[in-house]
Structure formats: C-alpha cells, structure tokens
Amino acid sequence: MVFSGTFARLTANERRIILARSERQRYQRGEIIIREGRDYNAIVMIDVGWVRIQYQNPTATSFDAVVVARLGPGAIFGDMSFLDHTRSCATVLAETEVEALYLDGAEVDEMVRADPAFAGRFYQSLAVNLAHRLRTTTRRVRTD
C-alpha cells in the first residue's frame, strides 16, 4: 500500500478504511488541483504522477510563482487547510498525469466519531508528515 509510510501510525485496517472512503480522481498535466485562496477541506494522496506546490509571489510585479515543493507517489497534500480550516495558501498543479485519492474532511470526521482512538493516530500521522515536509523545505532553503 503506497500510503503506509504517510499513515504509518494507523493500523492496516484503518489504512484500508481510508482507501475505501477515498474517491479516485485523475488530473491531466497542467491541470490545477487546488487553487490558492480557495476553501479546501480534504486530503489528497498521490498514487501516480507528480504535482508542483506553488504560490503567487506577492512582491512580484508579474505573475511569477514561487515553487515550494514537488510531490510524487505516496505523498499527501491539502493537509494544512484540512487541519486549520483555512483557505489554501498555495496552488497545486499536476506536473504529469496524476491519479490521486481524495479523502473528504467529512469522511474523516465520521471515522473519528466512530472510533475516537483513531483521531490520535490519524492526526499524529499528519503532524509527522508536516514536520518531514518542513525539514525538507528548510534544507532546500539553506542550500539555495
């Protein structure tokens, strides 16, 4: 299962449930998956392909985008907006054809209500994933 690393703190059965409750979506190269500034209450797990995370440079006089990250199979995105219930701070663009699993926030809420112990493992998995991405970004900024 490609997402076992991302959700390593979940049981195998919980990962199966997440996959069963997720909707498979396909995106063409160049297609915008999440647009900066829009409400977004879901987590997207990349199964096939690569995406680019970028934001509009507020100090630029043109439409220059700042690339924050490139994510591939097994990675998740949308988790920041999902966690803090704010608008997306970046645009996610398909760099290749992408197949992804979309897990709506309402599905997560239902799983948490059904099994409160799941919440701790699920949110800890998201926190570890965010910490890993922050460390990766910090290393990249230091070398640029």
Protein backbone atom coordinates (compact mmCIF):
# COMPACT_ATOMS: atom_id res chain seq x y z
CA MET A 1 0.00 0.00 0.00
CA VAL A 2 1.61 3.22 -1.21
CA PHE A 3 0.36 5.37 1.69
CA SER A 4 1.56 3.16 4.52
CA GLY A 5 4.55 5.48 5.13
CA THR A 6 2.39 8.58 5.33
CA PHE A 7 -0.07 6.91 7.67
CA ALA A 8 2.41 4.60 9.42
CA ARG A 9 0.82 5.25 12.81
CA LEU A 10 -2.53 3.88 11.64
CA THR A 11 -3.41 0.22 11.73
CA ALA A 12 -3.53 -1.70 8.45
CA ASN A 13 -7.32 -1.86 8.81
CA GLU A 14 -7.56 1.92 9.30
CA ARG A 15 -5.49 2.47 6.14
CA ARG A 16 -7.84 0.12 4.26
CA ILE A 17 -10.84 2.10 5.53
CA ILE A 18 -9.26 5.38 4.41
CA LEU A 19 -8.67 3.95 0.95
CA ALA A 20 -12.23 2.64 0.77
CA ARG A 21 -13.66 6.04 1.76
CA SER A 22 -11.48 7.94 -0.70
CA GLU A 23 -12.53 8.89 -4.21
CA ARG A 24 -10.10 8.22 -7.06
CA GLN A 25 -9.53 11.30 -9.21
CA ARG A 26 -7.45 11.85 -12.34
CA TYR A 27 -5.79 15.07 -13.46
CA GLN A 28 -4.14 15.96 -16.75
CA ARG A 29 -0.71 17.55 -16.97
CA GLY A 30 -1.02 21.28 -16.26
CA GLU A 31 -4.39 20.97 -14.53
CA ILE A 32 -4.90 22.88 -11.29
CA ILE A 33 -5.88 20.56 -8.48
CA ILE A 34 -6.11 23.15 -5.68
CA ARG A 35 -6.18 26.88 -6.30
CA GLU A 36 -4.51 29.26 -3.86
CA GLY A 37 -7.02 31.19 -1.75
CA ARG A 38 -9.88 28.69 -2.09
CA ASP A 39 -11.59 26.80 0.72
CA TYR A 40 -10.41 23.21 0.86
CA ASN A 41 -11.39 20.57 3.39
CA ALA A 42 -9.82 17.38 2.13
CA ILE A 43 -6.61 15.43 1.98
CA VAL A 44 -5.29 14.23 -1.36
CA MET A 45 -2.97 11.23 -1.60
CA ILE A 46 -0.92 10.88 -4.78
CA ASP A 47 -1.00 7.38 -6.24
CA VAL A 48 0.56 8.05 -9.66
CA GLY A 49 2.35 11.11 -11.01
CA TRP A 50 3.85 14.35 -9.72
CA VAL A 51 2.45 17.69 -8.56
CA ARG A 52 4.03 21.09 -8.01
CA ILE A 53 3.13 23.20 -4.98
CA GLN A 54 3.48 26.91 -5.73
CA TYR A 55 2.24 30.28 -4.57
CA GLN A 56 1.97 33.68 -6.14
CA ASN A 57 4.90 35.92 -5.19
CA PRO A 58 3.21 38.93 -3.53
CA THR A 59 6.19 41.20 -4.20
CA ALA A 60 6.50 40.38 -7.90
CA THR A 61 5.22 42.79 -10.50
CA SER A 62 4.35 39.96 -12.87
CA PHE A 63 2.64 36.64 -12.31
CA ASP A 64 5.76 34.88 -11.05
CA ALA A 65 5.05 31.79 -8.99
CA VAL A 66 7.35 30.53 -6.25
CA VAL A 67 7.70 26.74 -6.31
CA VAL A 68 7.60 25.39 -2.78
CA ALA A 69 7.76 21.66 -3.45
CA ARG A 70 7.28 18.82 -5.87
CA LEU A 71 5.46 15.77 -4.56
CA GLY A 72 5.13 12.30 -6.03
CA PRO A 73 3.61 8.90 -5.32
CA GLY A 74 2.80 8.30 -1.67
CA ALA A 75 2.77 12.00 -0.76
CA ILE A 76 -0.25 13.87 0.53
CA PHE A 77 -1.35 17.47 0.19
CA GLY A 78 -4.27 19.62 1.29
CA ASP A 79 -3.47 18.67 4.86
CA MET A 80 -2.66 22.21 6.03
CA SER A 81 -6.04 23.64 5.03
CA PHE A 82 -7.70 20.50 6.34
CA LEU A 83 -6.05 20.89 9.74
CA ASP A 84 -6.54 24.60 10.35
CA HIS A 85 -9.76 25.12 8.35
CA THR A 86 -8.33 28.00 6.35
CA ARG A 87 -8.11 28.73 2.66
CA SER A 88 -5.35 27.11 0.67
CA CYS A 89 -2.10 29.07 0.86
CA ALA A 90 -0.75 27.55 -2.36
CA THR A 91 -1.77 26.21 -5.74
CA VAL A 92 -1.24 22.54 -6.53
CA LEU A 93 -0.63 21.87 -10.21
CA ALA A 94 -0.32 18.48 -11.94
CA GLU A 95 3.18 18.28 -13.46
CA THR A 96 2.37 14.93 -15.07
CA GLU A 97 -0.81 12.95 -15.41
CA VAL A 98 -1.87 12.33 -11.83
CA GLU A 99 -4.05 9.72 -10.17
CA ALA A 100 -4.90 10.59 -6.61
CA LEU A 101 -7.21 9.59 -3.82
CA TYR A 102 -9.38 12.38 -2.42
CA LEU A 103 -10.44 12.00 1.23
CA ASP A 104 -13.12 14.50 2.16
CA GLY A 105 -12.96 16.06 5.62
CA ALA A 106 -16.50 14.86 6.36
CA GLU A 107 -15.30 11.27 5.92
CA VAL A 108 -12.51 11.85 8.44
CA ASP A 109 -14.99 13.39 10.88
CA GLU A 110 -17.20 10.33 10.56
CA MET A 111 -14.27 7.97 11.19
CA VAL A 112 -13.28 9.98 14.28
CA ARG A 113 -16.84 9.82 15.65
CA ALA A 114 -16.95 6.06 15.06
CA ASP A 115 -13.56 5.45 16.71
CA PRO A 116 -12.16 8.31 18.84
CA ALA A 117 -8.82 6.49 19.28
CA PHE A 118 -8.37 6.70 15.50
CA ALA A 119 -8.19 10.50 15.81
CA GLY A 120 -4.93 10.47 17.78
CA ARG A 121 -3.20 8.15 15.34
CA PHE A 122 -4.55 9.97 12.29
CA TYR A 123 -3.64 13.47 13.43
CA GLN A 124 -0.23 12.33 14.67
CA SER A 125 0.42 10.90 11.19
CA LEU A 126 -0.45 14.27 9.65
CA ALA A 127 1.80 16.09 12.14
CA VAL A 128 4.76 13.81 11.38
CA ASN A 129 4.18 14.29 7.64
CA LEU A 130 4.11 18.08 8.03
CA ALA A 131 7.29 18.02 10.14
CA HIS A 132 9.03 15.98 7.45
CA ARG A 133 7.97 18.42 4.71
CA LEU A 134 9.08 21.40 6.81
CA ARG A 135 12.50 19.84 7.35
CA THR A 136 12.82 19.14 3.63
CA THR A 137 11.88 22.73 2.79
CA THR A 138 14.30 24.09 5.39
CA ARG A 139 17.18 22.05 3.94
CA ARG A 140 16.31 23.26 0.43
CA VAL A 141 16.17 26.92 1.52
CA ARG A 142 19.54 26.60 3.25
CA THR A 143 21.20 25.30 0.09
CA ASP A 144 19.59 27.81 -2.32
